[in-house]
Amino acid sequence: REHLGFIYQFHHLLPDFNALENVVLPQLVADRPRAEAEARAEELLVALGLGHRLDHRPSQLSGGEQQRVAVARGLANKPDLVLADEPTGNLDEATADRVLGEFLSLVRGEGSAALIATHNERLAQKMDRVVRLHEGVLE
């Protein structure tokens, strides 16, 4: 929890919590003071274009908005490494490009690294480095 952040293909947001609370929760688990956790959550959600959706539950958010909340949650504890499994796999192309751009901007801006698993060649080409797994061999 101190060094890794996770972003899943299916966002796995907690349905009974709003966007802000979903991003605050992992910080509380990491013993961050509530006020600090809320400020960090709001900062990330605003950076991801969700400042007007802080009090909305996942069911009230679009798929792209839900995935951006998941991105904020994955970055909330300022991890050294973010592991992302098909982070834009369930999004249309335009939304995927926006979410990926925001994600990469935040990762780079915070000095984190990201390891992204994807089958999407377009997404892979936007990475700094691409490693392919072909028949069990890294290329």
N, C-alpha and C. Protein backbone atom coordinates (compact mmCIF):
# COMPACT_ATOMS: atom_id res chain seq x y z
N ARG A 1 0.81 -1.21 0.00
CA ARG A 1 0.00 0.00 0.00
C ARG A 1 0.85 1.27 0.00
N GLU A 2 2.10 1.16 0.39
CA GLU A 2 2.95 2.35 0.43
C GLU A 2 3.68 2.60 -0.88
N HIS A 3 3.87 1.56 -1.69
CA HIS A 3 4.69 1.72 -2.88
C HIS A 3 3.97 1.40 -4.19
N LEU A 4 2.83 0.73 -4.11
CA LEU A 4 2.12 0.31 -5.31
C LEU A 4 0.72 0.90 -5.37
N GLY A 5 0.31 1.27 -6.57
CA GLY A 5 -1.06 1.67 -6.84
C GLY A 5 -1.61 0.72 -7.89
N PHE A 6 -2.91 0.49 -7.87
CA PHE A 6 -3.53 -0.45 -8.81
C PHE A 6 -4.69 0.22 -9.54
N ILE A 7 -4.77 -0.03 -10.83
CA ILE A 7 -5.92 0.40 -11.62
C ILE A 7 -6.35 -0.81 -12.43
N TYR A 8 -7.58 -1.20 -12.24
CA TYR A 8 -8.10 -2.40 -12.87
C TYR A 8 -8.91 -2.06 -14.12
N GLN A 9 -9.06 -3.05 -15.00
CA GLN A 9 -9.89 -2.87 -16.19
C GLN A 9 -11.32 -2.54 -15.80
N PHE A 10 -11.84 -3.25 -14.84
CA PHE A 10 -13.16 -2.97 -14.29
C PHE A 10 -12.89 -2.22 -13.00
N HIS A 11 -13.31 -1.01 -12.91
CA HIS A 11 -12.88 -0.04 -11.90
C HIS A 11 -13.03 -0.50 -10.45
N HIS A 12 -13.97 -1.37 -10.15
CA HIS A 12 -14.17 -1.89 -8.78
C HIS A 12 -14.34 -0.78 -7.75
N LEU A 13 -15.08 0.25 -8.10
CA LEU A 13 -15.39 1.30 -7.12
C LEU A 13 -16.41 0.75 -6.13
N LEU A 14 -16.37 1.26 -4.93
CA LEU A 14 -17.33 0.85 -3.91
C LEU A 14 -18.64 1.60 -4.15
N PRO A 15 -19.73 0.88 -4.43
CA PRO A 15 -20.97 1.52 -4.86
C PRO A 15 -21.65 2.39 -3.81
N ASP A 16 -21.40 2.13 -2.54
CA ASP A 16 -22.05 2.90 -1.49
C ASP A 16 -21.31 4.18 -1.12
N PHE A 17 -20.18 4.42 -1.78
CA PHE A 17 -19.37 5.60 -1.52
C PHE A 17 -19.35 6.49 -2.75
N ASN A 18 -19.28 7.80 -2.53
CA ASN A 18 -19.21 8.71 -3.67
C ASN A 18 -17.77 8.75 -4.22
N ALA A 19 -17.57 9.50 -5.28
CA ALA A 19 -16.27 9.56 -5.94
C ALA A 19 -15.17 9.99 -4.95
N LEU A 20 -15.42 11.05 -4.21
CA LEU A 20 -14.43 11.54 -3.26
C LEU A 20 -14.10 10.47 -2.23
N GLU A 21 -15.10 9.83 -1.68
CA GLU A 21 -14.89 8.81 -0.64
C GLU A 21 -14.13 7.60 -1.19
N ASN A 22 -14.38 7.23 -2.45
CA ASN A 22 -13.66 6.12 -3.06
C ASN A 22 -12.16 6.41 -3.17
N VAL A 23 -11.80 7.67 -3.31
CA VAL A 23 -10.40 8.05 -3.41
C VAL A 23 -9.80 8.31 -2.03
N VAL A 24 -10.62 8.71 -1.08
CA VAL A 24 -10.16 8.95 0.29
C VAL A 24 -9.84 7.63 1.00
N LEU A 25 -10.65 6.62 0.77
CA LEU A 25 -10.56 5.38 1.53
C LEU A 25 -9.17 4.74 1.56
N PRO A 26 -8.49 4.54 0.42
CA PRO A 26 -7.16 3.91 0.50
C PRO A 26 -6.15 4.76 1.27
N GLN A 27 -6.38 6.05 1.31
CA GLN A 27 -5.48 6.91 2.07
C GLN A 27 -5.70 6.75 3.57
N LEU A 28 -6.96 6.57 3.96
CA LEU A 28 -7.25 6.33 5.38
C LEU A 28 -6.66 5.01 5.83
N VAL A 29 -6.74 4.01 4.96
CA VAL A 29 -6.15 2.70 5.27
C VAL A 29 -4.64 2.84 5.47
N ALA A 30 -4.03 3.77 4.76
CA ALA A 30 -2.59 4.04 4.88
C ALA A 30 -2.27 5.03 6.00
N ASP A 31 -3.26 5.29 6.86
CA ASP A 31 -3.10 6.16 8.04
C ASP A 31 -2.86 7.63 7.73
N ARG A 32 -3.31 8.10 6.59
CA ARG A 32 -3.23 9.52 6.28
C ARG A 32 -4.37 10.23 7.01
N PRO A 33 -4.14 11.38 7.60
CA PRO A 33 -5.21 12.12 8.27
C PRO A 33 -6.35 12.44 7.29
N ARG A 34 -7.59 12.36 7.78
CA ARG A 34 -8.77 12.53 6.92
C ARG A 34 -8.73 13.84 6.12
N ALA A 35 -8.41 14.95 6.75
CA ALA A 35 -8.42 16.23 6.04
C ALA A 35 -7.40 16.22 4.90
N GLU A 36 -6.25 15.65 5.16
CA GLU A 36 -5.20 15.55 4.13
C GLU A 36 -5.66 14.62 3.00
N ALA A 37 -6.29 13.51 3.37
CA ALA A 37 -6.79 12.54 2.39
C ALA A 37 -7.87 13.17 1.51
N GLU A 38 -8.75 13.93 2.11
CA GLU A 38 -9.82 14.57 1.34
C GLU A 38 -9.25 15.62 0.39
N ALA A 39 -8.26 16.37 0.85
CA ALA A 39 -7.65 17.39 -0.01
C ALA A 39 -6.93 16.73 -1.18
N ARG A 40 -6.22 15.65 -0.93
CA ARG A 40 -5.52 14.92 -2.00
C ARG A 40 -6.53 14.33 -2.99
N ALA A 41 -7.60 13.74 -2.49
CA ALA A 41 -8.63 13.16 -3.35
C ALA A 41 -9.25 14.22 -4.24
N GLU A 42 -9.59 15.35 -3.65
CA GLU A 42 -10.20 16.43 -4.44
C GLU A 42 -9.23 16.94 -5.49
N GLU A 43 -7.97 17.10 -5.12
CA GLU A 43 -6.94 17.57 -6.06
C GLU A 43 -6.86 16.63 -7.28
N LEU A 44 -6.82 15.33 -7.03
CA LEU A 44 -6.73 14.36 -8.12
C LEU A 44 -7.98 14.36 -8.99
N LEU A 45 -9.13 14.37 -8.35
CA LEU A 45 -10.39 14.33 -9.10
C LEU A 45 -10.58 15.60 -9.93
N VAL A 46 -10.18 16.74 -9.40
CA VAL A 46 -10.24 17.99 -10.17
C VAL A 46 -9.29 17.90 -11.37
N ALA A 47 -8.08 17.39 -11.14
CA ALA A 47 -7.11 17.25 -12.23
C ALA A 47 -7.63 16.32 -13.33
N LEU A 48 -8.48 15.38 -12.96
CA LEU A 48 -9.05 14.43 -13.91
C LEU A 48 -10.39 14.92 -14.47
N GLY A 49 -10.73 16.17 -14.20
CA GLY A 49 -11.95 16.76 -14.75
C GLY A 49 -13.22 16.36 -14.05
N LEU A 50 -13.13 15.93 -12.79
CA LEU A 50 -14.30 15.47 -12.05
C LEU A 50 -14.63 16.33 -10.84
N GLY A 51 -14.16 17.55 -10.82
CA GLY A 51 -14.42 18.43 -9.69
C GLY A 51 -15.89 18.65 -9.42
N HIS A 52 -16.71 18.55 -10.43
CA HIS A 52 -18.16 18.75 -10.29
C HIS A 52 -18.90 17.45 -9.97
N ARG A 53 -18.18 16.33 -9.82
CA ARG A 53 -18.82 15.03 -9.60
C ARG A 53 -18.36 14.38 -8.29
N LEU A 54 -17.76 15.14 -7.40
CA LEU A 54 -17.20 14.58 -6.17
C LEU A 54 -18.21 13.82 -5.33
N ASP A 55 -19.44 14.30 -5.28
CA ASP A 55 -20.44 13.69 -4.40
C ASP A 55 -21.33 12.68 -5.13
N HIS A 56 -20.96 12.29 -6.34
CA HIS A 56 -21.75 11.33 -7.10
C HIS A 56 -21.25 9.91 -6.84
N ARG A 57 -22.19 8.99 -6.69
CA ARG A 57 -21.85 7.57 -6.53
C ARG A 57 -21.53 6.98 -7.89
N PRO A 58 -20.82 5.85 -7.91
CA PRO A 58 -20.45 5.25 -9.20
C PRO A 58 -21.62 5.05 -10.16
N SER A 59 -22.78 4.67 -9.65
CA SER A 59 -23.94 4.44 -10.53
C SER A 59 -24.42 5.72 -11.20
N GLN A 60 -23.99 6.87 -10.69
CA GLN A 60 -24.38 8.16 -11.26
C GLN A 60 -23.32 8.71 -12.22
N LEU A 61 -22.25 7.95 -12.42
CA LEU A 61 -21.14 8.38 -13.27
C LEU A 61 -21.11 7.57 -14.56
N SER A 62 -20.61 8.17 -15.62
CA SER A 62 -20.42 7.43 -16.87
C SER A 62 -19.26 6.46 -16.70
N GLY A 63 -19.08 5.58 -17.67
CA GLY A 63 -17.96 4.63 -17.62
C GLY A 63 -16.61 5.34 -17.58
N GLY A 64 -16.47 6.39 -18.39
CA GLY A 64 -15.22 7.15 -18.39
C GLY A 64 -14.98 7.86 -17.07
N GLU A 65 -16.05 8.39 -16.48
CA GLU A 65 -15.91 9.06 -15.18
C GLU A 65 -15.54 8.05 -14.10
N GLN A 66 -16.16 6.89 -14.13
CA GLN A 66 -15.83 5.85 -13.15
C GLN A 66 -14.36 5.45 -13.27
N GLN A 67 -13.87 5.31 -14.50
CA GLN A 67 -12.49 4.92 -14.68
C GLN A 67 -11.54 6.01 -14.22
N ARG A 68 -11.93 7.27 -14.38
CA ARG A 68 -11.09 8.37 -13.89
C ARG A 68 -11.05 8.38 -12.36
N VAL A 69 -12.15 8.03 -11.72
CA VAL A 69 -12.14 7.89 -10.25
C VAL A 69 -11.18 6.76 -9.87
N ALA A 70 -11.20 5.66 -10.63
CA ALA A 70 -10.28 4.55 -10.36
C ALA A 70 -8.82 4.98 -10.54
N VAL A 71 -8.56 5.82 -11.53
CA VAL A 71 -7.21 6.35 -11.73
C VAL A 71 -6.80 7.19 -10.51
N ALA A 72 -7.69 8.06 -10.07
CA ALA A 72 -7.39 8.89 -8.89
C ALA A 72 -7.13 8.01 -7.67
N ARG A 73 -7.95 6.98 -7.51
CA ARG A 73 -7.76 6.06 -6.37
C ARG A 73 -6.41 5.37 -6.45
N GLY A 74 -6.01 4.95 -7.65
CA GLY A 74 -4.73 4.28 -7.82
C GLY A 74 -3.53 5.18 -7.55
N LEU A 75 -3.71 6.47 -7.71
CA LEU A 75 -2.62 7.43 -7.49
C LEU A 75 -2.69 8.12 -6.13
N ALA A 76 -3.74 7.86 -5.39
CA ALA A 76 -4.01 8.61 -4.15
C ALA A 76 -2.87 8.58 -3.15
N ASN A 77 -2.21 7.45 -2.99
CA ASN A 77 -1.15 7.33 -1.99
C ASN A 77 0.25 7.62 -2.55
N LYS A 78 0.28 8.29 -3.71
CA LYS A 78 1.54 8.67 -4.34
C LYS A 78 2.48 7.46 -4.46
N PRO A 79 2.03 6.42 -5.16
CA PRO A 79 2.84 5.21 -5.25
C PRO A 79 4.08 5.40 -6.12
N ASP A 80 5.09 4.59 -5.84
CA ASP A 80 6.29 4.58 -6.68
C ASP A 80 5.97 3.95 -8.03
N LEU A 81 5.10 2.93 -8.00
CA LEU A 81 4.74 2.18 -9.20
C LEU A 81 3.24 1.97 -9.23
N VAL A 82 2.63 2.25 -10.39
CA VAL A 82 1.21 2.00 -10.60
C VAL A 82 1.10 0.82 -11.57
N LEU A 83 0.39 -0.21 -11.17
CA LEU A 83 0.12 -1.36 -12.02
C LEU A 83 -1.28 -1.19 -12.59
N ALA A 84 -1.38 -1.21 -13.91
CA ALA A 84 -2.67 -0.99 -14.56
C ALA A 84 -2.96 -2.12 -15.54
N ASP A 85 -4.10 -2.77 -15.37
CA ASP A 85 -4.51 -3.86 -16.24
C ASP A 85 -5.61 -3.36 -17.17
N GLU A 86 -5.27 -3.17 -18.44
CA GLU A 86 -6.23 -2.69 -19.43
C GLU A 86 -7.05 -1.50 -18.88
N PRO A 87 -6.38 -0.43 -18.43
CA PRO A 87 -7.09 0.66 -17.76
C PRO A 87 -8.11 1.39 -18.62
N THR A 88 -8.04 1.22 -19.93
CA THR A 88 -9.02 1.87 -20.80
C THR A 88 -9.79 0.85 -21.63
N GLY A 89 -9.70 -0.41 -21.26
CA GLY A 89 -10.28 -1.49 -22.05
C GLY A 89 -11.79 -1.43 -22.23
N ASN A 90 -12.50 -0.81 -21.32
CA ASN A 90 -13.96 -0.76 -21.40
C ASN A 90 -14.48 0.59 -21.87
N LEU A 91 -13.60 1.39 -22.45
CA LEU A 91 -13.99 2.74 -22.85
C LEU A 91 -13.96 2.89 -24.36
N ASP A 92 -14.79 3.79 -24.88
CA ASP A 92 -14.72 4.09 -26.31
C ASP A 92 -13.39 4.80 -26.59
N GLU A 93 -13.02 4.86 -27.84
CA GLU A 93 -11.70 5.35 -28.23
C GLU A 93 -11.42 6.77 -27.74
N ALA A 94 -12.36 7.68 -27.91
CA ALA A 94 -12.15 9.08 -27.50
C ALA A 94 -12.00 9.18 -25.98
N THR A 95 -12.86 8.48 -25.24
CA THR A 95 -12.77 8.52 -23.78
C THR A 95 -11.48 7.85 -23.31
N ALA A 96 -11.11 6.74 -23.96
CA ALA A 96 -9.87 6.04 -23.62
C ALA A 96 -8.67 6.96 -23.79
N ASP A 97 -8.63 7.70 -24.89
CA ASP A 97 -7.52 8.62 -25.12
C ASP A 97 -7.45 9.69 -24.04
N ARG A 98 -8.60 10.22 -23.65
CA ARG A 98 -8.63 11.26 -22.61
C ARG A 98 -8.17 10.71 -21.27
N VAL A 99 -8.71 9.56 -20.87
CA VAL A 99 -8.36 8.95 -19.58
C VAL A 99 -6.86 8.61 -19.57
N LEU A 100 -6.37 8.02 -20.64
CA LEU A 100 -4.95 7.66 -20.71
C LEU A 100 -4.07 8.90 -20.63
N GLY A 101 -4.43 9.93 -21.36
CA GLY A 101 -3.65 11.17 -21.33
C GLY A 101 -3.58 11.77 -19.94
N GLU A 102 -4.71 11.81 -19.27
CA GLU A 102 -4.76 12.35 -17.90
C GLU A 102 -3.94 11.47 -16.95
N PHE A 103 -4.09 10.17 -17.11
CA PHE A 103 -3.34 9.22 -16.27
C PHE A 103 -1.84 9.41 -16.45
N LEU A 104 -1.37 9.41 -17.69
CA LEU A 104 0.06 9.55 -17.95
C LEU A 104 0.60 10.89 -17.46
N SER A 105 -0.18 11.94 -17.63
CA SER A 105 0.24 13.25 -17.15
C SER A 105 0.42 13.26 -15.63
N LEU A 106 -0.53 12.66 -14.92
CA LEU A 106 -0.43 12.60 -13.47
C LEU A 106 0.73 11.71 -13.02
N VAL A 107 0.89 10.56 -13.64
CA VAL A 107 1.98 9.65 -13.27
C VAL A 107 3.33 10.34 -13.45
N ARG A 108 3.51 10.94 -14.61
CA ARG A 108 4.78 11.61 -14.89
C ARG A 108 4.99 12.82 -13.99
N GLY A 109 3.93 13.56 -13.75
CA GLY A 109 4.02 14.75 -12.90
C GLY A 109 4.35 14.43 -11.46
N GLU A 110 3.98 13.26 -11.01
CA GLU A 110 4.24 12.88 -9.62
C GLU A 110 5.50 12.05 -9.47
N GLY A 111 6.19 11.78 -10.56
CA GLY A 111 7.43 11.02 -10.49
C GLY A 111 7.23 9.54 -10.24
N SER A 112 6.06 9.04 -10.57
CA SER A 112 5.79 7.61 -10.43
C SER A 112 6.15 6.91 -11.73
N ALA A 113 6.16 5.59 -11.66
CA ALA A 113 6.31 4.76 -12.85
C ALA A 113 5.02 3.98 -13.02
N ALA A 114 4.74 3.56 -14.24
CA ALA A 114 3.53 2.78 -14.50
C ALA A 114 3.88 1.58 -15.35
N LEU A 115 3.31 0.46 -14.99
CA LEU A 115 3.41 -0.77 -15.78
C LEU A 115 1.99 -1.08 -16.23
N ILE A 116 1.77 -1.01 -17.54
CA ILE A 116 0.43 -1.14 -18.08
C ILE A 116 0.36 -2.39 -18.95
N ALA A 117 -0.57 -3.27 -18.62
CA ALA A 117 -0.82 -4.45 -19.44
C ALA A 117 -1.97 -4.12 -20.38
N THR A 118 -1.75 -4.35 -21.70
CA THR A 118 -2.80 -4.05 -22.67
C THR A 118 -2.64 -4.90 -23.92
N HIS A 119 -3.75 -5.12 -24.58
CA HIS A 119 -3.75 -5.73 -25.90
C HIS A 119 -3.93 -4.66 -26.98
N ASN A 120 -4.15 -3.43 -26.54
CA ASN A 120 -4.45 -2.33 -27.44
C ASN A 120 -3.14 -1.73 -27.98
N GLU A 121 -2.88 -1.99 -29.26
CA GLU A 121 -1.65 -1.51 -29.88
C GLU A 121 -1.57 0.01 -29.89
N ARG A 122 -2.70 0.68 -30.11
CA ARG A 122 -2.73 2.16 -30.09
C ARG A 122 -2.30 2.70 -28.74
N LEU A 123 -2.79 2.10 -27.69
CA LEU A 123 -2.43 2.51 -26.33
C LEU A 123 -0.94 2.23 -26.09
N ALA A 124 -0.48 1.05 -26.50
CA ALA A 124 0.92 0.68 -26.28
C ALA A 124 1.88 1.67 -26.94
N GLN A 125 1.51 2.17 -28.11
CA GLN A 125 2.40 3.08 -28.82
C GLN A 125 2.57 4.43 -28.11
N LYS A 126 1.72 4.72 -27.15
CA LYS A 126 1.83 5.97 -26.40
C LYS A 126 2.75 5.85 -25.18
N MET A 127 3.26 4.66 -24.95
CA MET A 127 4.10 4.43 -23.79
C MET A 127 5.56 4.79 -24.10
N ASP A 128 6.33 5.02 -23.05
CA ASP A 128 7.75 5.33 -23.21
C ASP A 128 8.53 4.10 -23.67
N ARG A 129 8.09 2.94 -23.21
CA ARG A 129 8.76 1.69 -23.56
C ARG A 129 7.70 0.60 -23.69
N VAL A 130 7.86 -0.26 -24.69
CA VAL A 130 6.92 -1.35 -24.91
C VAL A 130 7.68 -2.67 -24.88
N VAL A 131 7.17 -3.59 -24.09
CA VAL A 131 7.70 -4.95 -24.03
C VAL A 131 6.54 -5.87 -24.37
N ARG A 132 6.77 -6.77 -25.31
CA ARG A 132 5.70 -7.68 -25.73
C ARG A 132 5.97 -9.08 -25.21
N LEU A 133 4.90 -9.74 -24.82
CA LEU A 133 4.96 -11.14 -24.40
C LEU A 133 4.38 -11.95 -25.54
N HIS A 134 5.20 -12.76 -26.17
CA HIS A 134 4.75 -13.57 -27.32
C HIS A 134 5.14 -15.03 -27.06
N GLU A 135 4.12 -15.87 -26.94
CA GLU A 135 4.30 -17.29 -26.68
C GLU A 135 5.23 -17.52 -25.48
N GLY A 136 5.02 -16.75 -24.42
CA GLY A 136 5.76 -16.92 -23.18
C GLY A 136 7.13 -16.29 -23.14
N VAL A 137 7.50 -15.56 -24.20
CA VAL A 137 8.82 -14.95 -24.27
C VAL A 137 8.67 -13.43 -24.37
N LEU A 138 9.43 -12.71 -23.55
CA LEU A 138 9.43 -11.24 -23.63
C LEU A 138 10.26 -10.80 -24.82
N GLU A 139 9.69 -9.90 -25.60
CA GLU A 139 10.39 -9.36 -26.78
C GLU A 139 10.61 -7.88 -26.63
